Protein backbone atom coordinates (compact mmCIF):
# COMPACT_ATOMS: atom_id res chain seq x y z
CA MET A 1 -3.04 -25.19 2.25
CA ASN A 2 -5.42 -22.22 2.04
CA LYS A 3 -4.83 -19.36 4.44
CA GLU A 4 -7.61 -17.93 6.57
CA ILE A 5 -8.98 -14.71 5.07
CA ASN A 6 -9.38 -12.11 7.81
CA HIS A 7 -10.42 -9.06 5.80
CA LEU A 8 -13.46 -8.33 3.63
CA TYR A 9 -14.05 -5.53 1.13
CA ILE A 10 -17.48 -4.74 -0.36
CA HIS A 11 -17.83 -2.33 -3.30
CA ILE A 12 -20.95 -0.24 -3.86
CA PRO A 13 -20.56 1.41 -7.29
CA PHE A 14 -23.47 3.87 -7.12
CA CYS A 15 -23.19 7.65 -6.86
CA LYS A 16 -25.72 10.45 -6.94
CA SER A 17 -23.37 12.30 -9.29
CA ILE A 18 -19.89 11.73 -10.72
CA CYS A 19 -16.94 13.75 -9.37
CA LYS A 20 -14.58 15.11 -12.00
CA TYR A 21 -11.44 13.49 -10.54
CA CYS A 22 -12.92 10.02 -9.98
CA ASP A 23 -11.82 6.94 -11.91
CA PHE A 24 -13.20 4.23 -9.62
CA VAL A 25 -15.88 1.83 -10.85
CA ARG A 26 -18.95 4.01 -10.31
CA LYS A 27 -22.23 4.95 -11.97
CA VAL A 28 -25.37 6.99 -11.46
CA PRO A 29 -28.19 4.41 -11.13
CA THR A 30 -31.24 4.56 -13.35
CA CYS A 31 -33.48 4.13 -10.29
CA HIS A 32 -33.44 2.91 -6.68
CA ILE A 33 -34.68 -0.51 -7.86
CA GLU A 34 -31.33 -1.00 -9.61
CA MET A 35 -29.49 -0.43 -6.33
CA GLY A 36 -31.85 -2.78 -4.48
CA GLU A 37 -31.25 -5.56 -6.99
CA TYR A 38 -27.49 -5.05 -6.70
CA VAL A 39 -27.64 -5.28 -2.90
CA LYS A 40 -29.56 -8.58 -3.17
CA LYS A 41 -26.81 -9.99 -5.43
CA ILE A 42 -24.13 -8.88 -2.99
CA ILE A 43 -25.95 -10.43 -0.02
CA ASN A 44 -26.31 -13.72 -1.92
CA GLN A 45 -22.58 -13.70 -2.63
CA ILE A 46 -21.81 -12.95 1.01
CA GLU A 47 -23.99 -15.88 2.09
CA LYS A 48 -22.26 -18.24 -0.35
CA GLU A 49 -18.64 -17.19 0.05
CA CYS A 50 -18.48 -15.95 3.64
CA LYS A 51 -20.46 -18.71 5.34
CA ASN A 52 -19.27 -19.36 8.92
CA GLN A 53 -16.46 -16.82 8.38
CA LYS A 54 -15.71 -13.91 10.69
CA TYR A 55 -13.40 -11.07 9.75
CA GLU A 56 -11.01 -8.81 11.63
CA THR A 57 -11.95 -5.90 9.37
CA ILE A 58 -14.82 -5.17 6.99
CA TYR A 59 -14.72 -2.17 4.66
CA ILE A 60 -17.55 -0.91 2.45
CA GLY A 61 -16.28 1.42 -0.26
CA GLY A 62 -17.46 2.92 -3.50
CA GLY A 63 -18.90 4.78 -5.18
CA THR A 64 -21.01 6.19 -2.40
CA PRO A 65 -22.22 3.44 -0.04
CA ASN A 66 -24.44 5.79 1.97
CA PHE A 67 -26.32 6.69 -1.22
CA LEU A 68 -28.20 3.42 -0.68
CA SER A 69 -31.74 3.74 0.68
CA ASN A 70 -32.16 3.06 4.39
CA LYS A 71 -33.89 -0.22 3.53
CA ASP A 72 -31.07 -1.44 1.26
CA LEU A 73 -28.37 -0.20 3.63
CA SER A 74 -30.03 -2.02 6.53
CA LEU A 75 -30.27 -5.26 4.52
CA LEU A 76 -26.62 -5.07 3.49
CA LEU A 77 -25.26 -4.20 6.92
CA SER A 78 -27.37 -6.81 8.73
CA SER A 79 -25.88 -9.46 6.40
CA LEU A 80 -22.39 -8.33 7.45
CA SER A 81 -22.67 -7.42 11.14
CA ASN A 82 -22.47 -11.06 12.25
CA LYS A 83 -19.35 -11.51 10.09
CA LEU A 84 -17.25 -9.23 12.27
CA LYS A 85 -15.01 -10.62 14.98
CA LYS A 86 -15.67 -9.06 18.37
CA LYS A 87 -14.53 -5.43 18.81
CA ASN A 88 -12.92 -5.16 15.41
CA GLU A 89 -13.04 -2.54 12.66
CA PHE A 90 -16.11 -2.04 10.44
CA THR A 91 -15.73 0.94 8.09
CA ILE A 92 -18.08 2.54 5.59
CA GLU A 93 -17.30 5.37 3.17
CA CYS A 94 -19.81 8.22 3.20
CA ASN A 95 -20.58 11.49 1.50
CA PRO A 96 -21.32 14.20 4.10
CA GLU A 97 -24.53 15.59 2.56
CA LEU A 98 -26.21 12.15 2.64
CA ILE A 99 -25.65 11.44 6.33
CA ASN A 100 -28.73 11.74 8.54
CA LEU A 101 -29.82 10.48 11.95
CA ASN A 102 -31.83 7.48 10.72
CA GLN A 103 -28.96 6.35 8.53
CA VAL A 104 -26.46 6.61 11.38
CA LYS A 105 -28.78 4.64 13.68
CA ILE A 106 -28.82 1.84 11.08
CA MET A 107 -25.03 1.90 10.95
CA LYS A 108 -24.70 1.88 14.71
CA LYS A 109 -27.19 -0.98 15.09
CA ASN A 110 -25.14 -3.08 12.66
CA LYS A 111 -21.75 -2.50 14.33
CA ILE A 112 -20.29 0.13 12.00
CA ASN A 113 -17.63 1.80 14.16
CA ARG A 114 -15.55 3.78 11.67
CA ILE A 115 -16.58 6.32 9.03
CA SER A 116 -14.45 7.48 6.11
CA LEU A 117 -15.89 10.84 5.10
CA GLY A 118 -15.16 12.18 1.62
CA VAL A 119 -14.59 15.90 2.13
CA GLN A 120 -11.86 16.48 -0.52
CA THR A 121 -11.64 20.25 0.08
CA LEU A 122 -13.13 22.97 2.26
CA ASN A 123 -12.94 25.45 -0.62
CA GLU A 124 -16.60 25.44 -1.65
CA GLN A 125 -15.95 26.96 -5.08
CA LEU A 126 -13.44 24.20 -5.82
CA ASN A 127 -15.94 21.64 -4.54
CA LYS A 128 -18.51 22.91 -7.03
CA PHE A 129 -15.93 22.73 -9.82
CA LEU A 130 -15.28 19.08 -8.87
CA ASN A 131 -19.03 18.35 -8.96
CA ARG A 132 -19.13 17.64 -5.25
CA LYS A 133 -22.58 18.25 -3.76
CA HIS A 134 -21.84 19.02 -0.12
CA THR A 135 -21.16 22.27 1.69
CA ASN A 136 -18.90 22.80 4.68
CA LYS A 137 -22.06 23.00 6.79
CA ASP A 138 -22.98 19.49 5.58
CA VAL A 139 -19.59 18.22 6.75
CA CYS A 140 -20.07 19.78 10.19
CA ASN A 141 -23.60 18.40 10.49
CA ALA A 142 -22.40 14.91 9.51
CA ILE A 143 -19.61 14.92 12.08
CA GLU A 144 -21.98 16.20 14.78
CA ILE A 145 -24.50 13.41 14.12
CA LEU A 146 -21.76 10.76 14.16
CA ILE A 147 -20.25 11.99 17.42
CA GLN A 148 -23.66 12.33 19.07
CA ASN A 149 -24.23 8.66 18.24
CA ASP A 150 -20.87 7.54 19.64
CA ILE A 151 -19.15 6.94 16.32
CA ASN A 152 -15.93 8.78 17.11
CA SER A 153 -13.52 7.03 14.77
CA ILE A 154 -13.92 9.41 11.85
CA SER A 155 -11.46 9.68 8.97
CA LEU A 156 -11.56 12.66 6.61
CA ASP A 157 -10.36 12.39 3.01
CA PHE A 158 -8.81 15.39 1.28
CA ILE A 159 -7.21 15.91 -2.13
CA TYR A 160 -4.39 18.36 -2.85
CA GLY A 161 -2.69 19.42 -6.08
CA PHE A 162 -5.43 21.50 -7.70
CA SER A 163 -4.21 24.72 -9.31
CA GLN A 164 -7.19 26.49 -7.68
CA MET A 165 -6.07 25.38 -4.21
CA THR A 166 -4.18 27.83 -1.99
CA PHE A 167 -2.08 27.41 1.13
CA SER A 168 -4.86 29.24 2.99
CA ASP A 169 -7.18 26.41 1.93
CA ILE A 170 -4.78 23.94 3.54
CA ASP A 171 -4.61 26.08 6.69
CA ASN A 172 -8.41 25.95 6.84
CA ILE A 173 -8.21 22.16 6.72
CA PHE A 174 -5.72 22.15 9.62
CA SER A 175 -8.04 24.39 11.67
CA PHE A 176 -11.00 22.14 10.87
CA ILE A 177 -9.13 19.00 11.92
CA LYS A 178 -8.14 20.67 15.20
CA LYS A 179 -11.62 22.05 15.89
CA TRP A 180 -13.33 18.68 15.48
CA ASN A 181 -10.54 16.59 17.02
CA ILE A 182 -10.43 14.35 13.95
CA LYS A 183 -8.56 11.13 14.68
CA HIS A 184 -7.49 10.13 11.15
CA VAL A 185 -6.85 12.13 7.99
CA SER A 186 -5.97 11.13 4.42
CA PHE A 187 -4.37 13.56 1.97
CA TYR A 188 -4.31 12.19 -1.58
CA SER A 189 -2.34 13.79 -4.37
CA LEU A 190 -4.42 14.64 -7.42
CA GLU A 191 -3.89 12.10 -10.20
CA LEU A 192 -5.35 12.38 -13.68
CA LYS A 193 -6.84 8.95 -14.24
CA LYS A 194 -7.72 8.31 -17.88
CA ASN A 195 -11.45 7.75 -17.27
CA SER A 196 -11.91 10.85 -15.12
CA ASP A 197 -13.62 13.99 -16.42
CA LEU A 198 -10.54 16.08 -15.55
CA ALA A 199 -8.33 13.91 -17.76
CA LYS A 200 -10.82 13.91 -20.61
CA ASN A 201 -10.96 17.71 -20.43
CA LEU A 202 -7.15 17.97 -20.43
CA TYR A 203 -6.81 19.43 -16.94
CA GLU A 204 -3.11 20.10 -16.29
CA ILE A 205 -1.22 19.08 -13.16
CA ASN A 206 1.59 21.23 -11.80
CA GLU A 207 4.08 18.81 -10.24
CA GLU A 208 6.03 21.61 -8.55
CA LEU A 209 2.83 22.86 -6.89
CA ILE A 210 2.01 19.33 -5.72
CA GLU A 211 5.44 19.01 -4.08
CA LYS A 212 5.07 22.36 -2.34
CA GLN A 213 1.58 21.55 -1.09
CA LEU A 214 2.65 18.13 0.17
CA SER A 215 5.60 19.65 2.02
CA TYR A 216 3.23 22.18 3.60
CA ILE A 217 0.81 19.42 4.63
CA ILE A 218 3.60 17.31 6.16
CA LYS A 219 4.86 20.24 8.24
CA GLY A 220 1.37 21.25 9.35
CA MET A 221 0.32 17.75 10.38
CA ARG A 222 3.59 17.22 12.24
CA LYS A 223 3.02 20.49 14.09
CA MET A 224 -0.38 19.17 15.22
CA LYS A 225 1.31 15.94 16.46
CA TYR A 226 -0.19 13.65 13.81
CA THR A 227 1.84 10.63 12.69
CA ARG A 228 2.31 10.07 8.98
CA TYR A 229 2.19 6.28 9.13
CA GLU A 230 1.67 5.79 5.39
CA VAL A 231 2.36 7.92 2.32
CA SER A 232 -1.12 9.50 2.30
CA ASN A 233 -2.38 8.80 5.83
CA TRP A 234 -2.01 10.54 9.18
CA SER A 235 -3.38 9.66 12.61
CA ILE A 236 -3.34 11.24 16.05
CA SER A 237 -2.68 7.81 17.62
CA PRO A 238 -1.82 4.28 16.42
CA ILE A 239 -5.16 3.04 17.76
CA TYR A 240 -6.84 4.98 14.94
CA PHE A 241 -4.66 3.63 12.12
CA SER A 242 -6.83 2.07 9.40
CA LYS A 243 -6.55 -1.62 10.24
CA HIS A 244 -8.24 -2.63 6.99
CA ASN A 245 -5.86 -0.62 4.84
CA LEU A 246 -2.91 -1.90 6.88
CA ALA A 247 -3.96 -5.38 5.75
CA TYR A 248 -3.47 -4.25 2.14
CA TRP A 249 -0.16 -2.56 2.84
CA LYS A 250 1.13 -5.63 4.69
CA THR A 251 0.01 -7.93 1.85
CA ASN A 252 -2.46 -9.86 3.98
CA ASP A 253 -5.07 -11.73 1.98
CA TRP A 254 -8.52 -10.21 1.68
CA LYS A 255 -11.79 -11.11 0.01
CA GLY A 256 -13.37 -8.67 -2.40
CA ILE A 257 -17.07 -8.69 -3.31
CA GLY A 258 -18.99 -6.50 -5.75
CA LEU A 259 -18.56 -4.73 -9.08
CA GLY A 260 -15.15 -3.06 -9.07
CA ALA A 261 -13.95 -4.89 -5.96
CA TYR A 262 -10.45 -6.38 -5.85
CA GLY A 263 -9.30 -9.33 -3.75
CA LEU A 264 -6.14 -11.30 -3.00
CA GLU A 265 -6.46 -14.90 -1.86
CA ASN A 266 -3.60 -17.39 -1.86
CA MET A 267 -1.69 -15.42 -4.55
CA ASN A 268 -4.84 -15.18 -6.68
CA TYR A 269 -5.33 -11.46 -7.43
CA TYR A 270 -8.80 -10.82 -8.85
CA HIS A 271 -11.44 -8.21 -9.53
CA TYR A 272 -15.05 -8.09 -10.69
CA ILE A 273 -16.36 -6.55 -13.91
CA ASN A 274 -19.80 -6.15 -15.43
CA ASP A 275 -20.41 -8.82 -18.06
CA HIS A 276 -23.82 -8.28 -19.66
CA GLY A 277 -25.43 -7.43 -16.32
CA LYS A 278 -23.67 -10.16 -14.35
CA LEU A 279 -20.62 -9.97 -12.12
CA LYS A 280 -17.63 -11.66 -13.75
CA LYS A 281 -14.51 -12.52 -11.78
CA ILE A 282 -11.21 -11.79 -13.57
CA SER A 283 -8.33 -13.65 -11.90
CA GLU A 284 -4.57 -13.52 -12.16
CA ILE A 285 -2.47 -16.13 -10.37
CA TYR A 286 0.60 -14.27 -9.18
CA SER A 287 4.05 -15.54 -10.08
CA LEU A 288 6.62 -15.16 -7.29
CA HIS A 289 7.99 -12.12 -9.12
CA ASP A 290 4.58 -10.44 -9.22
CA TYR A 291 3.81 -11.37 -5.61
CA TYR A 292 7.11 -10.00 -4.35
CA LEU A 293 6.61 -6.85 -6.43
CA HIS A 294 3.17 -6.44 -4.84
CA ILE A 295 4.81 -6.72 -1.40
CA PHE A 296 7.24 -3.91 -2.26
CA ILE A 297 4.68 -1.64 -3.91
CA MET A 298 2.39 -1.86 -0.89
CA GLY A 299 4.81 -2.31 2.01
CA LEU A 300 7.22 0.50 1.24
CA ARG A 301 4.30 2.94 1.49
CA LEU A 302 4.40 2.43 5.25
CA GLU A 303 6.52 4.71 7.40
CA CYS A 304 7.63 1.70 9.46
CA GLY A 305 8.52 -0.20 6.28
CA ILE A 306 8.62 -3.95 5.62
CA ASN A 307 9.27 -6.37 8.47
CA LEU A 308 12.11 -8.60 7.26
CA LYS A 309 11.48 -11.05 10.10
CA VAL A 310 8.40 -12.17 8.16
CA LYS A 311 9.49 -14.91 5.77
CA LYS A 312 7.59 -13.75 2.67
CA PHE A 313 8.89 -10.19 3.15
CA ASN A 314 12.47 -11.37 3.60
CA ASN A 315 12.15 -13.51 0.49
CA ALA A 316 10.87 -10.48 -1.45
CA TYR A 317 13.81 -8.38 -0.25
CA ASN A 318 16.37 -11.03 -1.25
CA TYR A 319 14.68 -11.31 -4.64
CA PHE A 320 14.90 -7.57 -5.39
CA LYS A 321 17.78 -6.27 -3.28
CA ASN A 322 20.28 -6.09 -6.16
CA LYS A 323 17.90 -3.82 -8.09
CA ILE A 324 17.39 -1.30 -5.29
CA ASP A 325 19.54 1.81 -5.00
CA PRO A 326 20.95 1.42 -1.45
CA SER A 327 21.06 5.20 -1.03
CA LEU A 328 17.25 5.31 -1.08
CA ILE A 329 16.57 2.73 1.64
CA SER A 330 17.66 1.74 5.12
CA ILE A 331 17.26 -1.30 7.35
CA GLU A 332 16.52 -0.50 10.98
CA ASN A 333 15.65 -3.18 13.54
CA ASN A 334 14.93 -5.62 10.69
CA PHE A 335 12.55 -3.20 8.95
CA LEU A 336 13.27 -2.20 5.36
CA LYS A 337 12.32 1.45 4.98
CA VAL A 338 12.33 4.16 2.36
CA LYS A 339 14.50 7.03 3.60
CA ASN A 340 12.13 9.57 2.09
CA LEU A 341 8.48 8.52 1.65
CA ASN A 342 8.05 11.25 -0.94
CA LYS A 343 10.58 9.48 -3.18
CA ILE A 344 8.96 6.04 -3.10
CA ASP A 345 8.25 6.15 -6.85
CA ASP A 346 12.01 6.34 -7.56
CA ILE A 347 12.46 2.89 -5.96
CA LEU A 348 9.38 1.31 -7.52
CA GLU A 349 10.30 2.49 -11.02
CA SER A 350 13.60 0.58 -10.78
CA LEU A 351 11.73 -2.60 -9.80
CA VAL A 352 8.93 -2.36 -12.37
């Protein structure tokens, strides 16, 4: 029997320019017509596959979704706004320099209530090196416009681990978070993905520096009373936890639509690629081993861990428990937890 799918992800692959660290499915479009045609294809797919369906969370990622023209953004969002269950989470990823009042009004009209803002760093020289196009003033202007239009659930994304990054840069981030009363913050460790410009240009990562910066971030966020509820995510209150991402981490099924989008439906893990100008769905039917491994890879990222009262999670634990070093985990109130979130890779390596 098919399970109800309560979460929807839409991927917009277009960017005005390509950041040096990025390895997501993304491209600079040849013209705005290309983006308009893509949006039409996505809307057609939404109409076919999401008919009469309403979702607890909808997330539009990229790429840079707010690089779309106001016309295309309005068409896309209007096709989705009636797909959201009442008072639930509708998130869109944005670049700060592209946010303007008209764009935000379109978002507000179509029930967007959460913005994930790609800041990455407040060191403007480092931003230029990464081929980011915004300034700190752009970030402030974007946040001001959002707050003035009653979109207060704002998440800021940052990246740490660059050799050019100092602890003063991290302190500046802390001050910025405090000044703007930001509800949710993500700190992602720099990874050299093979298709990124940094990897192609043999940029070197200093693992010792990454550990020191992460430790500094953890202490600073704790001092400001933020909860680290997942390896890379902090929030001032549970009401601002990313409900869409929690669906991933708790191995709930979700539907993915668009080039580069992933989905998981009834143990069918799939993604979309470009096949001679058409979207092609590549599917993998999970074996129990792969499904249980997915549960561990995602669930152990959570500070609260994996709820062993849930049958599929308990089955996954029984399947793998003899392979797990008991010194690295604990079970508290029927939740399987990693004792140190920073050492999660040590557990996953033994399972993989």
